[in-house]
Every structure is written in structure tokens, then in C-alpha cells.
Amino acid sequence: MTESKKLESVFTLSGVPDFTFVEPQEYTRLFVALRTKGRGIVIEGPSGIGKTTCVLKALERLGLNSEEVSILSARKKKDVQKIQDIINQGEGFGTVLIDDFHKLDDNKKTSLSNLLKTLADEGDENSKLVIIGINKTGHSLLTYSSDLRNRIDIIKFEANSEEKLEELLEKGESALNIKINVKNEIVSESQGSFHIAQMLAHHACLKSGITEERAELTETSVSFETLKEFILDDLSISFDALVINFCKGQRVKKGSRAPYFHVLYWLSKSSTMDLIISDELNRNPKHKNSVGQILTKNHLIDHFLSNPSYSEVIFYNNETTGISVEDPKFFYYIKNLAWAKVAKKIGFHAIEFKSTYDFALSFAGAEREYAEYLFKKLAENEMSVFYDFNEQSRILSNNVEEYLAPIYRADSQFIIPILSSHYPTRIWCKFEADQFKIRFGENAIIPLRLSDCTVGMFDESNGVGGFTLDVNAEINPQLDKFANILADKIHDLRAEEMAEEGC
């Protein structure tokens, strides 16, 4: 009597499926490329769409068993050493599959690029390299060896079509003799990922009490809402703390624009499970001074490297500012998060901002030292601050008046004029003041008055709450205090706005 098929062998949560393997649209090209001796192959695409499974199935069809193929992963330390051994050997190493190529260091990437070129030039029929990685893996290889392009096959895997996902589910239904009542919902929710489709179908069976092949046709009985809630609750055990810790950064800072939060939030909205953060900033210019700072100051890469758990679910390339998902289950989790609730749980009172800048500094050149110190203190708190020296690359080639006018007139939540005896004598100070003077009635001006400034010099600022800097006392501690007050101010404002919105 034939043994009944088990659920875990049909809808698999890991490993290579036997009963539900579906050839992706790239399969035929991959099969021929694998059959071609000596020519290297680079396979790239998002996690969870079946790249590695497809290669293994194609190799199996070619009659190559696990003993004839070396399957290595850059995630495993022992495999990384084996990869180095292959580089040193240089030839006659048979068929080698290197998964997670993007996790190798630059030296090994360069060496493998050179090895691919050498093998192609020498026509070595006893050595074949198959490299698998995330999107743009092929492009990254070409940066190490630009003349490699015509010597290798670069095969890009795309998200699978709904027809392919339906085929997978139908194969599983046939193997278990069942009918999945939420099949259409699973196809839609999987967004091209075989891995997610397998996971959803597996749990749909579990929730319906189906653990193995049925003697009679049986239909699952779970609602998709119940199924999804169960899976997300289960995934939260693995990912909730990780998401919270990543979004916090090194610590939650009062008044912060939540730059780490936004990196993960944007990633969750990607249709390809990856993005270039610098490109995302062009689409979200209000975050250039907050998210932009954690890029330029290397805070993001430091944060990413601070916790090994982050690299298990995401990959970050500091040179390209590219970030991608390593675990499709993690992507499914963050894609379905209620991000406003996550922000509130962490202590961020806003994730959307009405103004590009929280503060804009206006000052005479003689007070630049004060302005720069204040800018650095506020920026450390992950607030967005307009300070001219921080924007020089953006100001270059622009009409300066046209660039500055909207910043002081409307694009900043608050204006901080540093009022000194030099201020009214400077042309640019007068220009800036002409832009923001209409905002005195909006409670948007916070003067920083120097103690040696003549009383009554700035009539419009009289009676407006500000901060006085005693020029005869130590300056930096006073500016520290002022920066803390400003952080409290923006923090309280965001809390009030959230309350008004009913969040």
C-alpha cells in the first residue's frame, strides 16, 4: 500500500518541494545555461521566488546529484572558507553553486569575478560556477570586472505570475486530495512569491485539520482573515522585537523624525522587496535631512552591523544605499504591519510631516560657530534643520534667493534667528527676515537673543518667547539647554497634532 503524502512534504516551509515544484518562466533559459559547459551563470532576483530551488531541480534533471555539485552559502562560515579554497584552486572543481553571493566581502567578490572570466576564456569544461544573489547581483559583478558581461549568463528572476502560483496550489491540492477554499486569496496575497504561497497553503491545511493526503476529497474550511491573523501573530514572535529595535535606532530621541523607522517603512512598500534609499529620498524630500544624515554619517550601516539578527532578514549595502529583504516571511510581516501603531508604540508622534524642516537657522556670519553647534545638537536628535553649510551641494547652481525664500516663508516649522548686533547689518539676514516676518503671527519664530544685543533692535521679536544667550558665560552648555528646549517643543507639537488627528 502506498504511503499517504504528508502535508510538510507537499506544502513545504523550507527546502526543495517534491510535489509542488513549478517551473518559473526563467526555467528553460536556466536549464540550457546549466547544460552549457564552462560558462558561468549569475542568477539574481528577490528572495522567496524560487531561484535556488529552480537551479537544484534543473541540475537534478541534468542527472547531477548532490555528490556531484558543491552547494555553498555565503551565510555559512565553513562554506565561505570552501569558497576561498575554490578561488585558490582556480580550475577542475566541478559544478559549484554559491548562494547569497551578496554577503561575501569585496575581495572574494572580485576574485570570483576574475575566476568567472578566466574559466570562460580558457573554456574549462570541468569547472562551472553558478552564483545566486539578490537583485543587481549581476551588475555588482560587472563593477569588479567590466569585460565579464559577454562571458557569463545573467538570468534575472522576476516575481512569479498568478498562473504559476495557481499551478503550485493545484499541484498541492492534487497531492493531498483536497480543495483549498481560499486559493484565490492566497494567490493574490503571495505577490509572486512561491515561498509565501507555500506558507499560506500549509497553514490553511493545518487550520482545517488536514495533515496528510485524504482518502476522500476534502475542502479546507478556514476564512482568509483567520488564516492571515494566525500567521501574522505567529510571525510576530520572531519579528516584532526586531522591527521595534531597528526602528528605534540606537535610542529613541525626543523630536526625532524617525529615520530608521522610515527606512523599514519604505522597504515594506516596495513591490520588489528592495530599494535604493538615496532614490527614495528623491521621492520623499522632507526626509533628506533626517534619513539623509544616517546615510552620510554612516549611522545606518553602524546600526545594521550592531545586531547580527538584522542581517538574517535584511541586507544593506552602504556604498549603494541599497536595502533588500533576505527572508520573505519577514517581508510578509512588515508589509502587513499597521505602521502608525508601530510608531506610537515606539514613541514617535508623527511619521508624516507638514514641513520639510523642523527648524531653519538665520544668522550673521559672525555667529556661525553658534549656529553650527546648534545645528549639530538638533541633528543628533534626528530632527530636520536648515543650516546653509549643510545644503551647499543643493544650493550650487541655483538662484540663491529662489532657493532660500520658501524655506523661511513656509517650508520650516520654526525659524530660529540668532539676534546679534551684526544681524541687522547683513544683507542675507535682511533677506531671510523679510521672508519669515509674516510668520510672527503663526507662533513660528523662536529668537535666540545674544545678551549684548541692544534692546529694541528687533521690534517684531519683542514679546516673542525666545532664549537669551549670555555671551559672558560658557556658550556650549547654554546651547545644549536651548537644543533640549527645542526638542521638547517639536515633540510636544507632534503629540498635539497626533491627538487632534485622533491617533
Protein backbone atom coordinates (compact mmCIF):
# COMPACT_ATOMS: atom_id res chain seq x y z
CA MET A 1 0.00 0.00 0.00
CA THR A 2 1.36 3.42 -0.98
CA GLU A 3 2.15 5.65 1.98
CA SER A 4 0.00 8.76 2.14
CA LYS A 5 1.68 12.06 1.37
CA LYS A 6 2.40 14.28 4.35
CA LEU A 7 1.44 17.96 4.47
CA GLU A 8 5.02 19.07 5.21
CA SER A 9 6.25 17.24 2.09
CA VAL A 10 3.64 18.83 -0.14
CA PHE A 11 3.37 22.43 1.04
CA THR A 12 6.92 22.85 2.31
CA LEU A 13 8.05 25.58 4.69
CA SER A 14 11.72 25.11 3.73
CA GLY A 15 13.82 23.04 1.37
CA VAL A 16 13.10 21.85 -2.16
CA PRO A 17 9.49 20.75 -2.81
CA ASP A 18 8.91 17.39 -4.46
CA PHE A 19 5.19 17.60 -5.21
CA THR A 20 4.66 21.33 -5.71
CA PHE A 21 7.65 22.42 -7.79
CA VAL A 22 6.60 24.76 -10.58
CA GLU A 23 8.95 25.82 -13.35
CA PRO A 24 9.25 29.62 -13.26
CA GLN A 25 9.28 31.42 -16.60
CA GLU A 26 13.10 31.59 -16.47
CA TYR A 27 13.46 27.81 -16.16
CA THR A 28 14.16 26.92 -19.83
CA ARG A 29 16.87 29.54 -20.22
CA LEU A 30 18.42 28.45 -16.92
CA PHE A 31 18.35 24.78 -17.93
CA VAL A 32 20.21 25.44 -21.18
CA ALA A 33 22.71 27.71 -19.41
CA LEU A 34 23.43 24.99 -16.84
CA ARG A 35 23.89 22.44 -19.61
CA THR A 36 26.44 24.67 -21.37
CA LYS A 37 29.85 23.58 -20.13
CA GLY A 38 32.37 26.06 -18.81
CA ARG A 39 30.17 29.16 -18.97
CA GLY A 40 29.40 30.84 -15.67
CA ILE A 41 25.89 31.78 -14.59
CA VAL A 42 24.64 34.59 -12.37
CA ILE A 43 21.08 34.32 -11.09
CA GLU A 44 19.54 37.36 -9.42
CA GLY A 45 16.15 38.25 -8.01
CA PRO A 46 14.14 38.82 -4.82
CA SER A 47 14.14 36.28 -2.00
CA GLY A 48 11.44 33.64 -1.91
CA ILE A 49 10.63 33.42 -5.61
CA GLY A 50 12.37 30.08 -6.14
CA LYS A 51 15.84 30.85 -7.56
CA THR A 52 17.77 28.21 -5.62
CA THR A 53 15.00 25.61 -5.90
CA CYS A 54 14.86 26.12 -9.66
CA VAL A 55 18.63 25.60 -10.01
CA LEU A 56 18.57 22.42 -7.93
CA LYS A 57 15.65 21.00 -9.91
CA ALA A 58 17.36 21.81 -13.22
CA LEU A 59 20.59 20.16 -12.03
CA GLU A 60 18.56 17.12 -10.97
CA ARG A 61 17.08 16.93 -14.46
CA LEU A 62 20.60 17.04 -15.89
CA GLY A 63 21.43 13.98 -13.83
CA LEU A 64 23.72 15.72 -11.37
CA ASN A 65 23.23 14.55 -7.81
CA SER A 66 24.25 16.27 -4.57
CA GLU A 67 27.60 14.45 -4.57
CA GLU A 68 28.50 15.93 -7.96
CA VAL A 69 27.52 19.51 -7.11
CA SER A 70 29.01 21.63 -4.34
CA ILE A 71 26.25 23.78 -2.84
CA LEU A 72 27.71 26.61 -0.77
CA SER A 73 26.21 29.61 1.01
CA ALA A 74 27.93 32.86 1.90
CA ARG A 75 25.85 32.83 5.09
CA LYS A 76 27.85 29.90 6.49
CA LYS A 77 31.38 30.45 7.79
CA LYS A 78 32.58 26.98 6.82
CA ASP A 79 31.24 27.48 3.29
CA VAL A 80 32.99 30.85 2.99
CA GLN A 81 36.30 29.05 3.57
CA LYS A 82 35.37 26.48 0.91
CA ILE A 83 34.62 29.34 -1.49
CA GLN A 84 38.11 30.69 -0.84
CA ASP A 85 39.55 27.22 -1.48
CA ILE A 86 37.79 27.11 -4.86
CA ILE A 87 39.18 30.54 -5.73
CA ASN A 88 42.67 29.30 -4.83
CA GLN A 89 42.21 26.07 -6.81
CA GLY A 90 41.15 28.00 -9.88
CA GLU A 91 40.17 25.05 -12.07
CA GLY A 92 38.89 21.48 -12.15
CA PHE A 93 36.50 21.94 -9.23
CA GLY A 94 33.37 20.65 -10.96
CA THR A 95 29.99 22.36 -10.60
CA VAL A 96 29.77 24.81 -7.72
CA LEU A 97 26.66 26.71 -6.66
CA ILE A 98 27.32 29.78 -4.47
CA ASP A 99 24.17 31.15 -2.84
CA ASP A 100 23.87 34.56 -1.12
CA PHE A 101 26.78 35.95 -3.14
CA HIS A 102 25.95 39.48 -1.99
CA LYS A 103 27.04 38.59 1.55
CA LEU A 104 30.66 37.94 0.55
CA ASP A 105 33.31 40.59 1.16
CA ASP A 106 34.58 42.68 -1.74
CA ASN A 107 37.85 40.75 -2.08
CA LYS A 108 36.06 37.44 -2.63
CA LYS A 109 33.57 39.06 -5.00
CA THR A 110 36.45 40.42 -7.06
CA SER A 111 38.24 37.06 -7.04
CA LEU A 112 35.11 35.21 -8.16
CA SER A 113 34.55 37.77 -10.91
CA ASN A 114 38.10 37.19 -12.16
CA LEU A 115 37.65 33.42 -11.89
CA LEU A 116 34.47 33.54 -13.99
CA LYS A 117 36.36 35.45 -16.65
CA THR A 118 39.32 33.05 -16.60
CA LEU A 119 37.12 29.95 -16.84
CA ALA A 120 35.29 31.43 -19.83
CA ASP A 121 38.49 32.46 -21.62
CA GLU A 122 40.12 29.06 -21.09
CA GLY A 123 36.97 27.09 -21.91
CA ASP A 124 37.32 24.93 -18.81
CA GLU A 125 34.67 22.23 -19.25
CA ASN A 126 35.45 20.67 -15.86
CA SER A 127 34.51 23.75 -13.84
CA LYS A 128 31.24 25.63 -13.67
CA LEU A 129 30.30 28.44 -11.31
CA VAL A 130 26.67 29.24 -10.58
CA ILE A 131 26.21 32.39 -8.49
CA ILE A 132 22.89 33.26 -6.85
CA GLY A 133 22.06 36.57 -5.18
CA ILE A 134 19.62 39.41 -4.74
CA ASN A 135 18.60 41.94 -7.39
CA LYS A 136 21.52 43.61 -9.19
CA THR A 137 23.97 40.82 -8.28
CA GLY A 138 25.00 40.66 -11.93
CA HIS A 139 25.53 44.41 -12.04
CA SER A 140 27.71 44.27 -8.93
CA LEU A 141 29.86 41.55 -10.51
CA LEU A 142 30.38 43.70 -13.58
CA THR A 143 31.67 46.54 -11.42
CA TYR A 144 34.51 44.26 -10.37
CA SER A 145 35.24 43.17 -13.94
CA SER A 146 33.57 45.26 -16.64
CA ASP A 147 34.54 42.94 -19.53
CA LEU A 148 32.80 39.97 -17.89
CA ARG A 149 29.39 40.69 -19.44
CA ASN A 150 29.76 38.62 -22.62
CA ARG A 151 31.46 35.75 -20.83
CA ILE A 152 28.60 34.79 -18.47
CA ASP A 153 24.83 34.37 -18.49
CA ILE A 154 22.95 36.75 -16.21
CA ILE A 155 19.44 35.45 -15.54
CA LYS A 156 17.07 37.75 -13.71
CA PHE A 157 14.20 36.09 -11.86
CA GLU A 158 11.04 38.16 -11.59
CA ALA A 159 8.05 37.74 -9.29
CA ASN A 160 6.06 34.72 -10.42
CA SER A 161 2.77 35.17 -12.25
CA GLU A 162 -0.58 34.37 -10.68
CA GLU A 163 -0.88 31.45 -13.10
CA LYS A 164 2.34 29.93 -11.72
CA LEU A 165 1.09 30.35 -8.15
CA GLU A 166 -2.21 28.72 -9.08
CA GLU A 167 -0.28 25.83 -10.62
CA LEU A 168 1.65 25.36 -7.37
CA LEU A 169 -1.54 25.28 -5.30
CA GLU A 170 -3.28 22.94 -7.70
CA LYS A 171 -0.37 20.50 -7.55
CA GLY A 172 -0.64 20.56 -3.76
CA GLU A 173 -4.39 20.05 -3.90
CA SER A 174 -3.92 17.06 -6.18
CA ALA A 175 -1.21 15.53 -3.98
CA LEU A 176 -3.29 15.82 -0.80
CA ASN A 177 -6.67 15.23 -2.48
CA ILE A 178 -8.04 18.49 -1.13
CA LYS A 179 -9.60 21.74 -2.31
CA ILE A 180 -8.31 24.98 -0.82
CA ASN A 181 -11.26 27.30 -0.20
CA VAL A 182 -9.06 30.42 -0.02
CA LYS A 183 -6.93 29.66 -3.07
CA ASN A 184 -7.69 32.95 -4.84
CA GLU A 185 -6.81 34.94 -1.73
CA ILE A 186 -3.52 33.05 -1.33
CA VAL A 187 -2.58 33.76 -4.94
CA SER A 188 -3.27 37.48 -4.50
CA GLU A 189 -1.60 37.75 -1.10
CA SER A 190 1.59 35.93 -2.15
CA GLN A 191 2.56 38.69 -4.62
CA GLY A 192 4.62 36.40 -6.81
CA SER A 193 6.42 34.52 -4.02
CA PHE A 194 6.36 30.71 -4.12
CA HIS A 195 7.63 30.71 -0.53
CA ILE A 196 4.70 32.75 0.78
CA ALA A 197 2.21 30.69 -1.20
CA GLN A 198 3.64 27.50 0.33
CA MET A 199 3.42 29.00 3.82
CA LEU A 200 -0.17 30.21 3.44
CA ALA A 201 -1.36 26.93 1.94
CA HIS A 202 0.44 24.91 4.64
CA HIS A 203 -1.29 26.81 7.43
CA ALA A 204 -4.66 26.77 5.66
CA CYS A 205 -4.44 22.98 5.81
CA LEU A 206 -3.31 22.98 9.43
CA LYS A 207 -6.17 25.25 10.50
CA SER A 208 -8.56 22.87 8.74
CA GLY A 209 -7.13 19.77 10.41
CA ILE A 210 -5.52 18.42 7.24
CA THR A 211 -2.09 16.93 7.95
CA GLU A 212 -1.75 14.34 5.18
CA GLU A 213 -3.30 13.05 1.98
CA ARG A 214 -7.03 12.44 2.29
CA ALA A 215 -8.82 9.30 1.11
CA GLU A 216 -11.78 11.41 0.02
CA LEU A 217 -11.75 14.89 -1.48
CA THR A 218 -11.75 17.37 1.41
CA GLU A 219 -12.14 21.15 1.32
CA THR A 220 -10.34 23.43 3.75
CA SER A 221 -12.67 25.44 5.96
CA VAL A 222 -10.66 28.41 7.17
CA SER A 223 -11.51 32.05 6.42
CA PHE A 224 -8.64 34.03 4.95
CA GLU A 225 -8.96 36.67 7.68
CA THR A 226 -8.48 33.99 10.35
CA LEU A 227 -5.58 32.45 8.43
CA LYS A 228 -3.81 35.77 7.96
CA GLU A 229 -4.28 36.81 11.59
CA PHE A 230 -2.87 33.49 12.78
CA ILE A 231 0.20 33.74 10.54
CA LEU A 232 0.94 37.34 11.47
CA ASP A 233 0.60 36.53 15.17
CA ASP A 234 2.99 33.63 14.67
CA LEU A 235 5.48 35.76 12.73
CA SER A 236 5.33 38.50 15.36
CA ILE A 237 7.03 36.14 17.81
CA SER A 238 10.07 36.14 15.54
CA PHE A 239 9.97 39.66 14.16
CA ASP A 240 8.17 42.10 16.50
CA ALA A 241 11.13 42.91 18.75
CA LEU A 242 13.49 43.02 15.79
CA VAL A 243 11.32 45.57 13.96
CA ILE A 244 10.95 47.73 17.07
CA ASN A 245 14.68 47.70 17.79
CA PHE A 246 15.60 48.54 14.20
CA CYS A 247 13.11 51.40 14.03
CA LYS A 248 14.35 52.90 17.31
CA GLY A 249 17.91 53.29 16.10
CA GLN A 250 20.44 53.43 18.91
CA ARG A 251 17.78 55.04 21.10
CA VAL A 252 14.51 56.93 20.73
CA LYS A 253 15.32 60.63 20.60
CA LYS A 254 12.83 63.32 21.54
CA GLY A 255 11.69 65.18 18.44
CA SER A 256 13.21 62.60 16.08
CA ARG A 257 11.86 62.29 12.55
CA ALA A 258 12.28 58.52 12.93
CA PRO A 259 14.81 57.92 10.14
CA TYR A 260 15.37 54.21 10.82
CA PHE A 261 11.62 53.71 11.03
CA HIS A 262 11.17 55.25 7.59
CA VAL A 263 13.84 53.07 6.01
CA LEU A 264 11.96 49.93 7.04
CA TYR A 265 8.58 51.51 6.29
CA TRP A 266 9.64 52.34 2.72
CA LEU A 267 11.06 48.84 2.28
CA SER A 268 7.69 47.37 3.29
CA LYS A 269 6.04 49.30 0.44
CA SER A 270 8.43 48.02 -2.24
CA SER A 271 6.97 45.66 -4.83
CA THR A 272 10.38 44.03 -5.38
CA MET A 273 11.46 43.61 -1.74
CA ASP A 274 14.35 46.02 -2.24
CA LEU A 275 15.05 49.69 -2.80
CA ILE A 276 17.81 52.27 -3.10
CA ILE A 277 17.38 54.61 -0.13
CA SER A 278 19.02 57.57 -1.88
CA ASP A 279 16.46 57.23 -4.70
CA GLU A 280 13.66 57.01 -2.14
CA LEU A 281 14.82 60.31 -0.66
CA ASN A 282 14.28 61.97 -4.03
CA ARG A 283 10.67 60.82 -3.81
CA ASN A 284 10.43 61.90 -0.16
CA PRO A 285 12.40 65.17 0.05
CA LYS A 286 11.05 66.03 3.51
CA HIS A 287 13.28 63.27 4.89
CA LYS A 288 16.55 64.31 3.23
CA ASN A 289 17.87 65.90 6.41
CA SER A 290 16.92 63.02 8.71
CA VAL A 291 17.24 59.81 6.72
CA GLY A 292 19.92 61.51 4.65
CA GLN A 293 22.00 62.12 7.74
CA ILE A 294 22.03 58.48 8.87
CA LEU A 295 23.36 57.65 5.41
CA THR A 296 26.08 60.28 5.13
CA LYS A 297 27.20 59.91 8.75
CA ASN A 298 27.32 56.09 8.41
CA HIS A 299 24.84 55.75 11.27
CA LEU A 300 22.69 53.33 9.29
CA ILE A 301 25.49 50.88 8.49
CA ASP A 302 26.70 51.07 12.10
CA HIS A 303 23.18 50.33 13.31
CA PHE A 304 22.77 47.49 10.82
CA LEU A 305 26.03 45.88 11.95
CA SER A 306 25.24 46.35 15.64
CA ASN A 307 22.81 43.43 15.73
CA PRO A 308 23.51 40.14 13.86
CA SER A 309 19.76 39.46 13.76
CA TYR A 310 19.25 42.29 11.27
CA SER A 311 21.40 40.55 8.64
CA GLU A 312 19.22 37.46 8.88
CA VAL A 313 16.23 39.33 7.48
CA ILE A 314 17.65 42.27 5.52
CA PHE A 315 20.80 43.15 3.60
CA TYR A 316 22.22 46.67 3.43
CA ASN A 317 24.90 47.92 1.02
CA ASN A 318 26.40 51.12 2.38
CA GLU A 319 28.04 52.07 -0.93
CA THR A 320 24.86 51.95 -3.00
CA THR A 321 22.43 52.60 -0.09
CA GLY A 322 20.56 49.54 -1.35
CA ILE A 323 18.49 47.60 1.18
CA SER A 324 16.75 44.30 0.44
CA VAL A 325 14.80 41.58 2.21
CA GLU A 326 16.57 38.29 2.93
CA ASP A 327 13.62 36.42 4.42
CA PRO A 328 10.29 36.52 2.52
CA LYS A 329 8.39 35.79 5.75
CA PHE A 330 9.84 38.99 7.20
CA PHE A 331 8.65 40.93 4.17
CA TYR A 332 5.17 39.47 4.53
CA TYR A 333 5.19 40.57 8.16
CA ILE A 334 6.31 44.17 7.59
CA LYS A 335 4.06 44.50 4.55
CA ASN A 336 1.06 43.84 6.76
CA LEU A 337 2.09 45.96 9.75
CA ALA A 338 -0.06 48.84 10.96
CA TRP A 339 2.86 51.27 10.83
CA ALA A 340 1.08 54.11 12.63
CA LYS A 341 0.59 51.80 15.60
CA VAL A 342 4.24 50.74 15.46
CA ALA A 343 5.31 54.39 15.56
CA LYS A 344 3.06 55.11 18.52
CA LYS A 345 4.31 52.02 20.36
CA ILE A 346 7.91 53.20 19.96
CA GLY A 347 7.13 56.77 20.94
CA PHE A 348 7.21 58.56 17.59
CA HIS A 349 4.36 61.07 17.48
CA ALA A 350 4.43 61.56 13.72
CA ILE A 351 5.54 59.68 10.62
CA GLU A 352 4.22 62.19 8.09
CA PHE A 353 5.43 65.79 8.29
CA LYS A 354 3.84 69.00 7.08
CA SER A 355 7.15 70.82 6.65
CA THR A 356 10.48 69.89 5.09
CA TYR A 357 12.40 71.28 8.07
CA ASP A 358 11.66 71.35 11.76
CA PHE A 359 13.90 74.40 12.22
CA ALA A 360 15.63 76.88 9.92
CA LEU A 361 18.57 78.89 11.26
CA SER A 362 19.04 82.53 10.30
CA PHE A 363 22.24 84.25 11.44
CA ALA A 364 25.08 86.58 10.60
CA GLY A 365 28.46 85.11 9.68
CA ALA A 366 29.96 86.26 12.97
CA GLU A 367 27.63 83.86 14.81
CA ARG A 368 28.29 80.84 12.56
CA GLU A 369 30.04 79.00 15.39
CA TYR A 370 26.85 79.17 17.47
CA ALA A 371 24.68 78.18 14.51
CA GLU A 372 26.82 75.19 13.61
CA TYR A 373 26.89 73.92 17.18
CA LEU A 374 23.12 74.24 17.47
CA PHE A 375 22.64 72.52 14.11
CA LYS A 376 24.75 69.56 15.21
CA LYS A 377 22.89 69.18 18.51
CA LEU A 378 19.49 69.22 16.81
CA ALA A 379 20.64 66.89 14.02
CA GLU A 380 21.91 64.44 16.63
CA ASN A 381 18.30 64.22 17.78
CA GLU A 382 17.33 63.22 14.22
CA MET A 383 15.49 66.45 13.52
CA SER A 384 15.49 68.18 10.15
CA VAL A 385 17.34 71.50 10.33
CA PHE A 386 18.14 74.00 7.60
CA TYR A 387 21.73 75.18 8.01
CA ASP A 388 23.30 76.67 4.90
CA PHE A 389 26.65 74.82 5.05
CA ASN A 390 24.78 71.52 5.24
CA GLU A 391 22.99 72.30 1.97
CA GLN A 392 25.81 73.68 -0.16
CA SER A 393 25.62 70.90 -2.76
CA ARG A 394 21.90 71.59 -3.25
CA ILE A 395 22.33 75.37 -3.37
CA LEU A 396 25.09 75.20 -6.01
CA SER A 397 23.96 76.46 -9.45
CA ASN A 398 20.56 77.50 -8.05
CA ASN A 399 19.32 81.05 -7.74
CA VAL A 400 20.07 81.52 -4.04
CA GLU A 401 17.15 83.84 -3.31
CA GLU A 402 14.69 81.50 -5.03
CA TYR A 403 16.13 78.55 -3.11
CA LEU A 404 16.08 80.22 0.32
CA ALA A 405 12.82 82.16 0.17
CA PRO A 406 10.36 79.22 0.52
CA ILE A 407 12.44 77.67 3.31
CA TYR A 408 11.95 80.71 5.55
CA ARG A 409 8.50 81.57 4.26
CA ALA A 410 6.77 78.18 4.58
CA ASP A 411 8.97 75.06 4.45
CA SER A 412 10.17 75.19 8.07
CA GLN A 413 8.05 74.54 11.14
CA PHE A 414 10.02 77.09 13.17
CA ILE A 415 12.56 79.80 12.35
CA ILE A 416 15.43 80.46 14.76
CA PRO A 417 17.00 83.87 14.09
CA ILE A 418 20.21 84.38 16.08
CA LEU A 419 19.79 88.03 17.00
CA SER A 420 23.09 89.81 17.47
CA SER A 421 24.36 93.30 16.79
CA HIS A 422 25.59 92.01 13.40
CA TYR A 423 22.24 90.61 12.30
CA PRO A 424 20.51 93.80 11.02
CA THR A 425 23.62 94.87 9.10
CA ARG A 426 23.89 91.76 6.91
CA ILE A 427 22.18 91.63 3.51
CA TRP A 428 21.26 87.94 3.70
CA CYS A 429 19.88 88.31 7.22
CA LYS A 430 17.63 91.10 5.98
CA PHE A 431 16.51 88.98 3.04
CA GLU A 432 15.71 86.00 5.29
CA ALA A 433 13.91 88.21 7.82
CA ASP A 434 11.78 89.69 5.03
CA GLN A 435 10.65 86.14 4.19
CA PHE A 436 9.78 84.98 7.70
CA LYS A 437 8.44 88.20 9.27
CA ILE A 438 4.90 87.33 8.13
CA ARG A 439 5.11 84.24 10.35
CA PHE A 440 5.33 86.07 13.68
CA GLY A 441 1.56 85.73 13.94
CA GLU A 442 1.84 81.95 13.43
CA ASN A 443 3.95 81.41 16.57
CA ALA A 444 6.66 80.10 14.24
CA ILE A 445 9.58 82.34 15.30
CA ILE A 446 11.85 81.38 18.22
CA PRO A 447 14.50 84.10 18.66
CA LEU A 448 17.91 83.26 20.10
CA ARG A 449 18.98 86.63 21.54
CA LEU A 450 22.58 87.41 22.38
CA SER A 451 22.85 89.27 25.69
CA ASP A 452 24.96 92.08 24.22
CA CYS A 453 22.34 92.86 21.60
CA THR A 454 20.72 96.28 22.01
CA VAL A 455 17.22 96.10 23.48
CA GLY A 456 14.55 97.12 20.97
CA MET A 457 16.75 96.44 17.94
CA PHE A 458 14.24 93.91 16.59
CA ASP A 459 10.80 95.34 17.27
CA GLU A 460 8.84 92.47 15.80
CA SER A 461 10.58 89.90 18.01
CA ASN A 462 9.88 91.82 21.20
CA GLY A 463 7.35 89.97 23.29
CA VAL A 464 8.01 86.69 21.45
CA GLY A 465 9.23 83.87 23.67
CA GLY A 466 12.82 83.04 22.94
CA PHE A 467 16.12 82.20 24.59
CA THR A 468 18.85 84.57 25.72
CA LEU A 469 22.47 83.57 25.28
CA ASP A 470 24.77 85.13 27.88
CA VAL A 471 27.89 85.94 25.88
CA ASN A 472 29.90 86.39 29.10
CA ALA A 473 29.22 82.81 30.23
CA GLU A 474 30.25 79.48 28.75
CA ILE A 475 28.33 79.18 25.48
CA ASN A 476 28.01 75.47 24.73
CA PRO A 477 26.12 74.45 27.90
CA GLN A 478 23.61 77.22 27.15
CA LEU A 479 23.18 75.99 23.58
CA ASP A 480 22.75 72.44 24.90
CA LYS A 481 19.93 73.68 27.11
CA PHE A 482 18.36 75.57 24.21
CA ALA A 483 18.57 72.48 21.96
CA ASN A 484 16.80 70.42 24.62
CA ILE A 485 14.03 73.03 24.87
CA LEU A 486 13.64 72.97 21.08
CA ALA A 487 13.43 69.15 21.13
CA ASP A 488 10.69 69.39 23.76
CA LYS A 489 8.91 71.98 21.63
CA ILE A 490 8.80 69.86 18.47
CA HIS A 491 8.00 66.72 20.47
CA ASP A 492 5.01 68.39 22.16
CA LEU A 493 3.80 69.84 18.86
CA ARG A 494 3.77 66.40 17.21
CA ALA A 495 1.97 64.90 20.19
CA GLU A 496 -0.70 67.62 19.93
CA GLU A 497 -1.10 67.04 16.18
CA MET A 498 -1.47 63.30 16.74
CA ALA A 499 -4.13 63.92 19.40
CA GLU A 500 -6.04 66.24 17.06
CA GLU A 501 -5.97 63.55 14.36
CA GLY A 502 -7.38 61.06 16.85
CA CYS A 503 -4.40 58.71 16.67
